[in-house]
Amino acid sequence: MRTRLRRATMADLEQLQVVSVLTFFNSYKSDADVLDMAIYTQHELNLSHLKNELADEDNEFYLIEDLDEHVILAYTKLTRTPEFEGVRPQNSNELLEISRLYTTRGFAGHGLGKQLLQHAEKRAQELGIQELVLCAWKFNFGGLKFYKREGFVTVKEMDYPLGYELRPCPVMYKHL
């Protein structure tokens, strides 16, 4: 399989939306109410919202695509921010939030998440940012293990709204 990592453009909008919804549903379908998931995806992952996110200069989306099949296998959304849920940068003016990091079904464990995370670290350094932050669902044991293995530490917990439900999510931090 031949892949490449590249920055998403507006031309990727429709495929990005499909992959966003699919990876979100696959990640949470066994643990979340279907109505809550529908509310979330209709609000946060609709074409208009994703288009606005792509256009926002504080956001950058990166894709790993299969060059033979022309499909997105994994993606991440990075957001420059002065603070995240009360976590402020200690060594720079901004944090780089890993807002989303998803791998499509069948490709978890193939190093794509690690590749995206390494790119996030590289991109942060290019931007002069020394700190990464993210939140992950408390019961996403594989994701939490992955982030801890990559040097993230939990600094607090927040409640993340998913439809009508509030989900406990550790806020994780890494100094580069």
C-alpha atoms as a PDB file:
ATOM      1  CA  MET A   1       0.000   0.000   0.000  1.00  0.00           C
ATOM      2  CA  ARG A   2       1.336   3.394  -0.979  1.00  0.00           C
ATOM      3  CA  THR A   3       0.296   6.306   1.228  1.00  0.00           C
ATOM      4  CA  ARG A   4       1.054   9.969   1.611  1.00  0.00           C
ATOM      5  CA  LEU A   5       0.419  12.526   4.301  1.00  0.00           C
ATOM      6  CA  ARG A   6      -0.787  15.896   3.068  1.00  0.00           C
ATOM      7  CA  ARG A   7      -2.698  18.951   4.175  1.00  0.00           C
ATOM      8  CA  ALA A   8      -6.414  18.876   3.373  1.00  0.00           C
ATOM      9  CA  THR A   9      -7.935  21.475   1.049  1.00  0.00           C
ATOM     10  CA  MET A  10     -11.485  22.511   0.233  1.00  0.00           C
ATOM     11  CA  ALA A  11     -11.401  19.957  -2.588  1.00  0.00           C
ATOM     12  CA  ASP A  12     -11.284  17.255   0.130  1.00  0.00           C
ATOM     13  CA  LEU A  13     -14.364  18.572   1.953  1.00  0.00           C
ATOM     14  CA  GLU A  14     -16.911  15.908   0.950  1.00  0.00           C
ATOM     15  CA  GLN A  15     -14.558  12.969   1.426  1.00  0.00           C
ATOM     16  CA  LEU A  16     -13.379  14.457   4.736  1.00  0.00           C
ATOM     17  CA  GLN A  17     -16.980  14.695   5.926  1.00  0.00           C
ATOM     18  CA  VAL A  18     -17.704  11.062   5.046  1.00  0.00           C
ATOM     19  CA  VAL A  19     -14.546   9.859   6.790  1.00  0.00           C
ATOM     20  CA  SER A  20     -15.243  12.102   9.800  1.00  0.00           C
ATOM     21  CA  VAL A  21     -18.725  10.682  10.310  1.00  0.00           C
ATOM     22  CA  LEU A  22     -17.679   7.071   9.688  1.00  0.00           C
ATOM     23  CA  THR A  23     -14.673   7.155  12.001  1.00  0.00           C
ATOM     24  CA  PHE A  24     -16.682   8.938  14.693  1.00  0.00           C
ATOM     25  CA  PHE A  25     -19.501   6.384  14.547  1.00  0.00           C
ATOM     26  CA  ASN A  26     -17.084   3.457  14.472  1.00  0.00           C
ATOM     27  CA  SER A  27     -15.235   4.856  17.486  1.00  0.00           C
ATOM     28  CA  TYR A  28     -18.264   5.446  19.702  1.00  0.00           C
ATOM     29  CA  LYS A  29     -21.185   3.349  18.427  1.00  0.00           C
ATOM     30  CA  SER A  30     -20.888   0.692  21.122  1.00  0.00           C
ATOM     31  CA  ASP A  31     -20.791   3.200  23.969  1.00  0.00           C
ATOM     32  CA  ALA A  32     -22.997   6.144  23.008  1.00  0.00           C
ATOM     33  CA  ASP A  33     -26.668   6.738  22.441  1.00  0.00           C
ATOM     34  CA  VAL A  34     -27.516   6.803  18.725  1.00  0.00           C
ATOM     35  CA  LEU A  35     -29.515  10.026  19.138  1.00  0.00           C
ATOM     36  CA  ASP A  36     -26.598  11.756  20.868  1.00  0.00           C
ATOM     37  CA  MET A  37     -24.263  10.640  18.090  1.00  0.00           C
ATOM     38  CA  ALA A  38     -26.681  11.859  15.418  1.00  0.00           C
ATOM     39  CA  ILE A  39     -27.006  15.259  17.104  1.00  0.00           C
ATOM     40  CA  TYR A  40     -23.235  15.583  17.355  1.00  0.00           C
ATOM     41  CA  THR A  41     -22.504  14.582  13.764  1.00  0.00           C
ATOM     42  CA  GLN A  42     -25.302  16.759  12.357  1.00  0.00           C
ATOM     43  CA  HIS A  43     -23.925  19.776  14.197  1.00  0.00           C
ATOM     44  CA  GLU A  44     -20.145  19.224  14.311  1.00  0.00           C
ATOM     45  CA  LEU A  45     -19.473  17.163  11.197  1.00  0.00           C
ATOM     46  CA  ASN A  46     -21.849  18.627   8.625  1.00  0.00           C
ATOM     47  CA  LEU A  47     -20.434  20.073   5.398  1.00  0.00           C
ATOM     48  CA  SER A  48     -21.010  23.691   6.396  1.00  0.00           C
ATOM     49  CA  HIS A  49     -19.289  23.295   9.782  1.00  0.00           C
ATOM     50  CA  LEU A  50     -16.340  21.384   8.283  1.00  0.00           C
ATOM     51  CA  LYS A  51     -16.021  23.991   5.531  1.00  0.00           C
ATOM     52  CA  ASN A  52     -15.800  26.729   8.174  1.00  0.00           C
ATOM     53  CA  GLU A  53     -13.211  24.712  10.092  1.00  0.00           C
ATOM     54  CA  LEU A  54     -11.134  24.220   6.944  1.00  0.00           C
ATOM     55  CA  ALA A  55     -11.304  27.949   6.196  1.00  0.00           C
ATOM     56  CA  ASP A  56     -10.296  28.973   9.736  1.00  0.00           C
ATOM     57  CA  GLU A  57      -6.618  29.929   9.701  1.00  0.00           C
ATOM     58  CA  ASP A  58      -6.145  28.515  13.224  1.00  0.00           C
ATOM     59  CA  ASN A  59      -7.066  25.009  11.990  1.00  0.00           C
ATOM     60  CA  GLU A  60      -5.080  22.633   9.823  1.00  0.00           C
ATOM     61  CA  PHE A  61      -6.345  19.248   8.665  1.00  0.00           C
ATOM     62  CA  TYR A  62      -3.896  16.549   7.585  1.00  0.00           C
ATOM     63  CA  LEU A  63      -4.831  13.365   5.758  1.00  0.00           C
ATOM     64  CA  ILE A  64      -3.131  10.084   5.123  1.00  0.00           C
ATOM     65  CA  GLU A  65      -4.473   8.795   1.866  1.00  0.00           C
ATOM     66  CA  ASP A  66      -4.072   5.545  -0.010  1.00  0.00           C
ATOM     67  CA  LEU A  67      -2.544   6.584  -3.322  1.00  0.00           C
ATOM     68  CA  ASP A  68      -3.817   3.496  -5.143  1.00  0.00           C
ATOM     69  CA  GLU A  69      -7.422   3.573  -3.895  1.00  0.00           C
ATOM     70  CA  HIS A  70      -7.660   7.385  -3.530  1.00  0.00           C
ATOM     71  CA  VAL A  71      -9.288   7.164  -0.109  1.00  0.00           C
ATOM     72  CA  ILE A  72      -8.506   8.753   3.246  1.00  0.00           C
ATOM     73  CA  LEU A  73      -7.186   6.217   5.749  1.00  0.00           C
ATOM     74  CA  ALA A  74      -6.633   8.579   8.689  1.00  0.00           C
ATOM     75  CA  TYR A  75      -6.805  12.257   9.499  1.00  0.00           C
ATOM     76  CA  THR A  76      -6.121  14.818  12.172  1.00  0.00           C
ATOM     77  CA  LYS A  77      -7.294  18.333  12.887  1.00  0.00           C
ATOM     78  CA  LEU A  78      -4.783  20.638  14.568  1.00  0.00           C
ATOM     79  CA  THR A  79      -5.865  23.901  16.174  1.00  0.00           C
ATOM     80  CA  ARG A  80      -3.653  26.737  17.380  1.00  0.00           C
ATOM     81  CA  THR A  81      -5.114  28.125  20.587  1.00  0.00           C
ATOM     82  CA  PRO A  82      -4.016  30.394  23.460  1.00  0.00           C
ATOM     83  CA  GLU A  83      -5.572  27.982  25.999  1.00  0.00           C
ATOM     84  CA  PHE A  84      -7.609  24.802  26.163  1.00  0.00           C
ATOM     85  CA  GLU A  85     -10.069  24.120  28.980  1.00  0.00           C
ATOM     86  CA  GLY A  86      -8.020  26.214  31.395  1.00  0.00           C
ATOM     87  CA  VAL A  87      -4.692  24.733  30.301  1.00  0.00           C
ATOM     88  CA  ARG A  88      -2.401  27.567  29.268  1.00  0.00           C
ATOM     89  CA  PRO A  89       0.969  27.329  27.555  1.00  0.00           C
ATOM     90  CA  GLN A  90       3.937  27.392  29.875  1.00  0.00           C
ATOM     91  CA  ASN A  91       6.716  27.961  27.351  1.00  0.00           C
ATOM     92  CA  SER A  92       5.123  29.662  24.340  1.00  0.00           C
ATOM     93  CA  ASN A  93       2.202  31.907  23.407  1.00  0.00           C
ATOM     94  CA  GLU A  94       0.022  29.123  22.054  1.00  0.00           C
ATOM     95  CA  LEU A  95      -0.825  25.469  22.379  1.00  0.00           C
ATOM     96  CA  LEU A  96      -1.392  23.167  19.457  1.00  0.00           C
ATOM     97  CA  GLU A  97      -4.544  21.200  20.138  1.00  0.00           C
ATOM     98  CA  ILE A  98      -4.974  17.849  18.479  1.00  0.00           C
ATOM     99  CA  SER A  99      -8.710  18.293  18.026  1.00  0.00           C
ATOM    100  CA  ARG A 100      -9.265  15.051  16.142  1.00  0.00           C
ATOM    101  CA  LEU A 101      -7.111  12.063  15.312  1.00  0.00           C
ATOM    102  CA  TYR A 102      -8.977   9.209  13.655  1.00  0.00           C
ATOM    103  CA  THR A 103      -8.035   6.119  11.688  1.00  0.00           C
ATOM    104  CA  THR A 104     -10.514   4.327   9.456  1.00  0.00           C
ATOM    105  CA  ARG A 105     -11.683   0.843  10.344  1.00  0.00           C
ATOM    106  CA  GLY A 106      -9.117  -1.814   9.559  1.00  0.00           C
ATOM    107  CA  PHE A 107      -6.142   0.551   9.731  1.00  0.00           C
ATOM    108  CA  ALA A 108      -5.760   1.008  13.487  1.00  0.00           C
ATOM    109  CA  GLY A 109      -2.445  -0.438  14.607  1.00  0.00           C
ATOM    110  CA  HIS A 110      -0.753   0.231  11.257  1.00  0.00           C
ATOM    111  CA  GLY A 111       1.233   3.251  12.502  1.00  0.00           C
ATOM    112  CA  LEU A 112      -1.007   5.871  10.876  1.00  0.00           C
ATOM    113  CA  GLY A 113      -1.953   7.499  14.189  1.00  0.00           C
ATOM    114  CA  LYS A 114       1.707   7.650  15.182  1.00  0.00           C
ATOM    115  CA  GLN A 115       2.556   9.197  11.821  1.00  0.00           C
ATOM    116  CA  LEU A 116      -0.123  11.875  12.315  1.00  0.00           C
ATOM    117  CA  LEU A 117       1.042  12.537  15.876  1.00  0.00           C
ATOM    118  CA  GLN A 118       4.660  12.884  14.752  1.00  0.00           C
ATOM    119  CA  HIS A 119       3.501  15.309  12.079  1.00  0.00           C
ATOM    120  CA  ALA A 120       1.597  17.322  14.712  1.00  0.00           C
ATOM    121  CA  GLU A 121       4.784  17.587  16.762  1.00  0.00           C
ATOM    122  CA  LYS A 122       6.772  18.663  13.712  1.00  0.00           C
ATOM    123  CA  ARG A 123       4.120  21.194  12.739  1.00  0.00           C
ATOM    124  CA  ALA A 124       4.052  22.627  16.274  1.00  0.00           C
ATOM    125  CA  GLN A 125       7.804  23.159  16.155  1.00  0.00           C
ATOM    126  CA  GLU A 126       7.527  24.833  12.740  1.00  0.00           C
ATOM    127  CA  LEU A 127       4.972  27.220  14.256  1.00  0.00           C
ATOM    128  CA  GLY A 128       7.166  27.913  17.303  1.00  0.00           C
ATOM    129  CA  ILE A 129       4.780  26.062  19.609  1.00  0.00           C
ATOM    130  CA  GLN A 130       6.302  23.867  22.282  1.00  0.00           C
ATOM    131  CA  GLU A 131       3.200  22.275  23.800  1.00  0.00           C
ATOM    132  CA  LEU A 132       0.482  19.926  22.573  1.00  0.00           C
ATOM    133  CA  VAL A 133      -2.882  19.346  24.206  1.00  0.00           C
ATOM    134  CA  LEU A 134      -5.802  17.028  23.486  1.00  0.00           C
ATOM    135  CA  CYS A 135      -8.769  15.399  25.114  1.00  0.00           C
ATOM    136  CA  ALA A 136      -9.790  11.789  24.695  1.00  0.00           C
ATOM    137  CA  TRP A 137     -12.781   9.901  25.961  1.00  0.00           C
ATOM    138  CA  LYS A 138     -12.107   8.337  29.373  1.00  0.00           C
ATOM    139  CA  PHE A 139     -13.075   4.864  28.150  1.00  0.00           C
ATOM    140  CA  ASN A 140     -11.040   5.020  24.930  1.00  0.00           C
ATOM    141  CA  PHE A 141      -8.474   2.757  26.537  1.00  0.00           C
ATOM    142  CA  GLY A 142      -6.494   2.125  23.357  1.00  0.00           C
ATOM    143  CA  GLY A 143      -6.264   5.829  22.556  1.00  0.00           C
ATOM    144  CA  LEU A 144      -5.285   6.779  26.106  1.00  0.00           C
ATOM    145  CA  LYS A 145      -2.598   4.081  26.153  1.00  0.00           C
ATOM    146  CA  PHE A 146      -1.291   5.327  22.797  1.00  0.00           C
ATOM    147  CA  TYR A 147      -1.093   8.959  23.971  1.00  0.00           C
ATOM    148  CA  LYS A 148       0.602   8.001  27.248  1.00  0.00           C
ATOM    149  CA  ARG A 149       3.116   5.881  25.343  1.00  0.00           C
ATOM    150  CA  GLU A 150       3.839   8.937  23.174  1.00  0.00           C
ATOM    151  CA  GLY A 151       4.611  11.110  26.221  1.00  0.00           C
ATOM    152  CA  PHE A 152       1.279  12.771  27.019  1.00  0.00           C
ATOM    153  CA  VAL A 153       0.238  13.177  30.641  1.00  0.00           C
ATOM    154  CA  THR A 154      -3.236  13.785  32.015  1.00  0.00           C
ATOM    155  CA  VAL A 155      -3.516  17.249  33.550  1.00  0.00           C
ATOM    156  CA  LYS A 156      -7.256  17.432  34.287  1.00  0.00           C
ATOM    157  CA  GLU A 157     -10.615  15.989  33.310  1.00  0.00           C
ATOM    158  CA  MET A 158     -13.421  17.753  31.480  1.00  0.00           C
ATOM    159  CA  ASP A 159     -16.957  16.893  30.476  1.00  0.00           C
ATOM    160  CA  TYR A 160     -17.322  16.858  26.692  1.00  0.00           C
ATOM    161  CA  PRO A 161     -20.853  17.247  25.289  1.00  0.00           C
ATOM    162  CA  LEU A 162     -21.981  14.490  22.958  1.00  0.00           C
ATOM    163  CA  GLY A 163     -25.560  15.350  22.082  1.00  0.00           C
ATOM    164  CA  TYR A 164     -27.406  15.418  25.405  1.00  0.00           C
ATOM    165  CA  GLU A 165     -24.734  13.405  27.201  1.00  0.00           C
ATOM    166  CA  LEU A 166     -21.648  14.769  28.943  1.00  0.00           C
ATOM    167  CA  ARG A 167     -18.700  12.413  28.548  1.00  0.00           C
ATOM    168  CA  PRO A 168     -15.731  12.398  30.919  1.00  0.00           C
ATOM    169  CA  CYS A 169     -12.563  13.140  28.963  1.00  0.00           C
ATOM    170  CA  PRO A 170      -9.016  13.473  30.303  1.00  0.00           C
ATOM    171  CA  VAL A 171      -7.196  16.551  29.022  1.00  0.00           C
ATOM    172  CA  MET A 172      -3.695  15.445  28.092  1.00  0.00           C
ATOM    173  CA  TYR A 173      -0.576  17.567  27.645  1.00  0.00           C
ATOM    174  CA  LYS A 174       2.874  17.108  26.129  1.00  0.00           C
ATOM    175  CA  HIS A 175       5.830  19.451  26.159  1.00  0.00           C
ATOM    176  CA  LEU A 176       8.045  19.089  23.091  1.00  0.00           C
END
